[in-house]
N, C-alpha and C. Protein backbone atom coordinates (compact mmCIF):
# COMPACT_ATOMS: atom_id res chain seq x y z
N MET A 1 0.66 -0.85 -0.54
CA MET A 1 -0.27 0.17 0.21
C MET A 1 0.82 1.52 0.18
N HIS A 2 0.25 2.22 -1.07
CA HIS A 2 1.29 3.58 -0.51
C HIS A 2 0.22 4.21 -0.75
N ASP A 3 1.44 6.02 -0.43
CA ASP A 3 0.12 6.89 0.01
C ASP A 3 -0.44 7.95 -1.11
N GLU A 4 -1.27 7.67 -0.54
CA GLU A 4 -2.47 8.52 -2.04
C GLU A 4 -0.86 9.96 -2.53
N THR A 5 -1.39 10.73 -1.06
CA THR A 5 -1.15 12.00 -1.34
C THR A 5 1.26 12.31 -2.28
N THR A 6 0.65 11.54 -1.47
CA THR A 6 1.94 11.65 -1.86
C THR A 6 3.07 10.80 -3.83
N TYR A 7 1.80 10.77 -3.28
CA TYR A 7 1.77 9.27 -5.46
C TYR A 7 1.44 10.38 -6.46
N SER A 8 0.66 11.07 -5.68
CA SER A 8 -0.52 12.06 -6.17
C SER A 8 1.35 13.66 -6.58
N GLN A 9 1.35 14.07 -5.26
CA GLN A 9 2.39 14.65 -5.73
C GLN A 9 3.61 14.60 -6.43
N LEU A 10 4.20 13.09 -6.41
CA LEU A 10 4.81 12.47 -6.75
C LEU A 10 4.39 12.76 -8.26
N ASP A 11 3.52 12.41 -9.53
CA ASP A 11 2.97 11.96 -10.45
C ASP A 11 3.19 13.92 -10.77
N GLN A 12 2.77 14.02 -9.74
CA GLN A 12 3.02 15.59 -10.54
C GLN A 12 4.52 16.24 -11.14
N ASP A 13 5.16 15.92 -10.03
CA ASP A 13 6.60 16.41 -10.74
C ASP A 13 6.92 16.19 -11.17
N LEU A 14 6.93 14.87 -11.39
CA LEU A 14 7.40 14.27 -13.12
C LEU A 14 6.68 14.85 -13.87
N ASP A 15 4.97 14.67 -14.80
CA ASP A 15 5.14 15.11 -15.65
C ASP A 15 4.94 16.95 -15.08
N GLU A 16 5.47 17.64 -14.73
CA GLU A 16 5.96 18.91 -14.96
C GLU A 16 8.13 19.25 -15.53
N PHE A 17 8.20 18.12 -14.60
CA PHE A 17 9.17 17.39 -15.24
C PHE A 17 9.35 17.33 -15.94
N GLY A 18 9.01 15.93 -16.53
CA GLY A 18 8.49 15.91 -18.66
C GLY A 18 8.05 16.67 -19.47
N ASP A 19 7.36 17.92 -19.07
CA ASP A 19 7.98 19.56 -19.69
C ASP A 19 8.79 20.08 -19.78
N LYS A 20 9.67 20.03 -18.93
CA LYS A 20 10.79 20.52 -19.30
C LYS A 20 11.70 19.83 -20.08
N TRP A 21 11.83 18.15 -19.51
CA TRP A 21 13.20 17.86 -19.93
C TRP A 21 12.83 16.14 -19.87
N GLU A 22 13.71 16.22 -21.40
CA GLU A 22 14.01 14.04 -21.70
C GLU A 22 14.58 13.60 -22.05
N LEU A 23 14.83 12.63 -21.34
CA LEU A 23 15.57 11.41 -21.31
C LEU A 23 15.95 10.81 -22.88
N GLN A 24 17.48 11.01 -22.72
CA GLN A 24 17.85 9.83 -23.28
C GLN A 24 18.66 9.21 -23.61
N ASN A 25 18.10 7.36 -22.75
CA ASN A 25 19.87 6.63 -22.71
C ASN A 25 20.40 7.36 -21.39
N SER A 26 20.95 7.90 -21.32
CA SER A 26 22.23 8.74 -20.11
C SER A 26 22.90 9.75 -20.65
N ILE A 27 21.46 10.63 -21.78
CA ILE A 27 20.86 12.06 -21.99
C ILE A 27 19.92 12.78 -21.15
N ILE A 28 20.57 14.28 -21.30
CA ILE A 28 18.86 14.70 -20.71
C ILE A 28 19.01 15.98 -21.19
N TRP A 29 17.93 15.98 -22.11
CA TRP A 29 17.77 17.46 -22.89
C TRP A 29 16.77 18.39 -21.84
N CYS A 30 17.14 19.61 -22.71
CA CYS A 30 15.59 20.99 -22.57
C CYS A 30 14.83 20.43 -23.51
N LEU A 31 13.73 20.98 -23.48
CA LEU A 31 13.00 20.69 -24.30
C LEU A 31 12.77 22.37 -24.60
N GLY A 32 13.11 23.70 -24.19
CA GLY A 32 13.53 24.88 -24.35
C GLY A 32 14.18 25.23 -25.26
N CYS A 33 15.80 25.02 -25.57
CA CYS A 33 16.68 25.02 -26.02
C CYS A 33 17.31 24.20 -26.33
N ARG A 34 17.26 22.94 -26.19
CA ARG A 34 17.49 21.55 -26.68
C ARG A 34 19.28 20.97 -26.66
N THR A 35 19.66 22.08 -25.35
CA THR A 35 21.14 21.59 -24.79
C THR A 35 20.72 19.59 -23.91
N SER A 36 21.82 19.80 -23.85
CA SER A 36 21.60 18.62 -23.61
C SER A 36 23.02 17.96 -22.44
N GLN A 37 22.42 17.26 -21.43
CA GLN A 37 23.87 17.31 -20.75
C GLN A 37 24.23 15.73 -20.23
N ALA A 38 25.53 14.11 -20.21
CA ALA A 38 25.28 12.90 -20.16
C ALA A 38 24.70 12.68 -18.59
N VAL A 39 24.84 12.21 -18.04
CA VAL A 39 24.87 11.44 -16.94
C VAL A 39 25.71 11.94 -15.95
N ASP A 40 26.83 11.47 -16.65
CA ASP A 40 28.17 12.15 -15.83
C ASP A 40 28.04 13.48 -15.69
N GLN A 41 27.71 14.48 -15.92
CA GLN A 41 28.20 15.56 -15.64
C GLN A 41 27.46 16.05 -15.21
N ALA A 42 26.00 15.17 -14.04
CA ALA A 42 25.39 15.71 -13.30
C ALA A 42 25.90 15.98 -12.17
N ALA A 43 27.17 17.01 -11.72
CA ALA A 43 27.76 17.29 -10.57
C ALA A 43 27.62 18.62 -11.24
N GLU A 44 27.88 19.17 -12.45
CA GLU A 44 28.19 20.21 -13.29
C GLU A 44 26.40 21.00 -13.08
N GLN A 45 27.00 22.20 -13.24
CA GLN A 45 24.99 23.22 -13.34
C GLN A 45 25.13 22.99 -14.95
N PHE A 46 23.81 22.98 -15.16
CA PHE A 46 23.04 22.67 -16.62
C PHE A 46 23.02 23.83 -16.56
N VAL A 47 24.46 24.13 -18.57
CA VAL A 47 23.68 24.60 -18.97
C VAL A 47 23.45 25.63 -20.58
N HIS A 48 22.10 26.31 -20.50
CA HIS A 48 20.62 26.60 -21.76
C HIS A 48 20.70 26.79 -22.35
N GLY A 49 20.86 26.93 -23.59
CA GLY A 49 21.26 27.57 -24.81
C GLY A 49 20.29 29.49 -24.87
N HIS A 50 20.66 30.29 -24.99
CA HIS A 50 20.30 31.61 -25.12
C HIS A 50 18.92 32.07 -24.95
N ASP A 51 17.83 32.29 -24.15
CA ASP A 51 17.41 33.09 -24.11
C ASP A 51 16.22 31.25 -24.02
N CYS A 52 16.64 30.80 -23.32
CA CYS A 52 16.04 29.65 -22.58
C CYS A 52 14.87 29.37 -22.41
N PRO A 53 13.40 29.43 -22.62
CA PRO A 53 12.36 30.12 -21.90
C PRO A 53 12.35 28.77 -20.35
N PHE A 54 13.03 28.00 -20.42
CA PHE A 54 13.18 27.03 -18.57
C PHE A 54 13.94 27.33 -18.08
N GLN A 55 15.26 28.67 -18.46
CA GLN A 55 17.23 28.30 -17.76
C GLN A 55 16.18 29.23 -16.35
N SER A 56 16.64 28.62 -15.30
CA SER A 56 16.14 29.35 -13.75
C SER A 56 16.90 29.07 -13.16
N GLU A 57 16.87 29.77 -12.29
CA GLU A 57 17.44 29.54 -10.63
C GLU A 57 17.41 27.91 -11.13
N HIS A 58 16.05 27.13 -11.07
CA HIS A 58 16.09 25.89 -10.79
C HIS A 58 15.59 24.92 -11.77
N ALA A 59 16.54 25.15 -12.46
CA ALA A 59 16.95 24.33 -13.47
C ALA A 59 18.15 24.04 -13.86
N GLN A 60 18.91 23.88 -13.27
CA GLN A 60 20.87 23.64 -13.11
C GLN A 60 21.87 22.88 -12.95
N HIS A 61 20.82 21.45 -12.24
CA HIS A 61 21.25 20.34 -12.28
C HIS A 61 20.13 19.42 -12.83
N PRO A 62 19.52 19.23 -13.72
CA PRO A 62 18.02 18.49 -13.61
C PRO A 62 18.13 17.29 -13.23
N TRP A 63 19.29 16.07 -13.03
CA TRP A 63 19.51 14.50 -13.29
C TRP A 63 19.36 15.34 -11.04
N HIS A 64 20.06 16.27 -10.62
CA HIS A 64 19.73 15.47 -9.28
C HIS A 64 17.76 16.48 -8.95
N GLU A 65 17.98 16.57 -9.72
CA GLU A 65 16.20 17.11 -9.46
C GLU A 65 15.44 15.86 -9.51
N LEU A 66 15.82 15.10 -10.40
CA LEU A 66 15.05 13.78 -10.88
C LEU A 66 15.59 12.98 -9.83
N ALA A 67 16.48 13.03 -8.73
CA ALA A 67 17.08 11.75 -8.80
C ALA A 67 16.14 11.97 -6.95
N ALA A 68 15.90 13.42 -6.90
CA ALA A 68 15.25 14.19 -5.46
C ALA A 68 13.86 13.40 -5.57
N MET A 69 13.68 13.30 -6.99
CA MET A 69 11.54 12.93 -7.67
C MET A 69 11.01 11.87 -6.86
N LEU A 70 12.51 10.97 -7.24
CA LEU A 70 12.59 9.40 -6.93
C LEU A 70 12.58 8.65 -5.70
N GLN A 71 13.43 9.79 -4.75
CA GLN A 71 13.30 8.58 -3.62
C GLN A 71 11.92 8.57 -2.80
N SER A 72 11.29 9.24 -3.62
CA SER A 72 9.59 9.15 -2.98
C SER A 72 8.89 7.95 -3.51
N LEU A 73 9.79 7.18 -5.13
CA LEU A 73 9.23 6.17 -5.32
C LEU A 73 8.50 5.35 -4.48
N PRO A 74 7.48 4.43 -4.77
CA PRO A 74 6.76 3.54 -3.71
C PRO A 74 8.00 3.14 -3.64
N ARG A 75 7.59 2.10 -2.41
CA ARG A 75 7.84 0.99 -2.42
C ARG A 75 7.81 -0.44 -2.83
N MET A 76 8.63 -0.94 -3.79
CA MET A 76 8.06 -2.57 -3.99
C MET A 76 7.69 -3.14 -3.04
N THR A 77 6.28 -4.05 -2.63
CA THR A 77 6.04 -5.12 -1.54
C THR A 77 6.11 -6.44 -1.66
């Protein structure tokens, strides 16, 4: 059994993440500027393209953002 509130928030967070980012194998792509970053560069700041609509203080480490969201993934029973 899982907590419906937590799952609903995770579902919403992943939907919002998917509106800005695309994963292809071990590469993450910004949907606003099509700039990419490999998973082994996750510790580095993500550098968006000029005038990217998704460039913000909160869009600097997408791999870590995704990892933080997945920490609330419901456990297998």
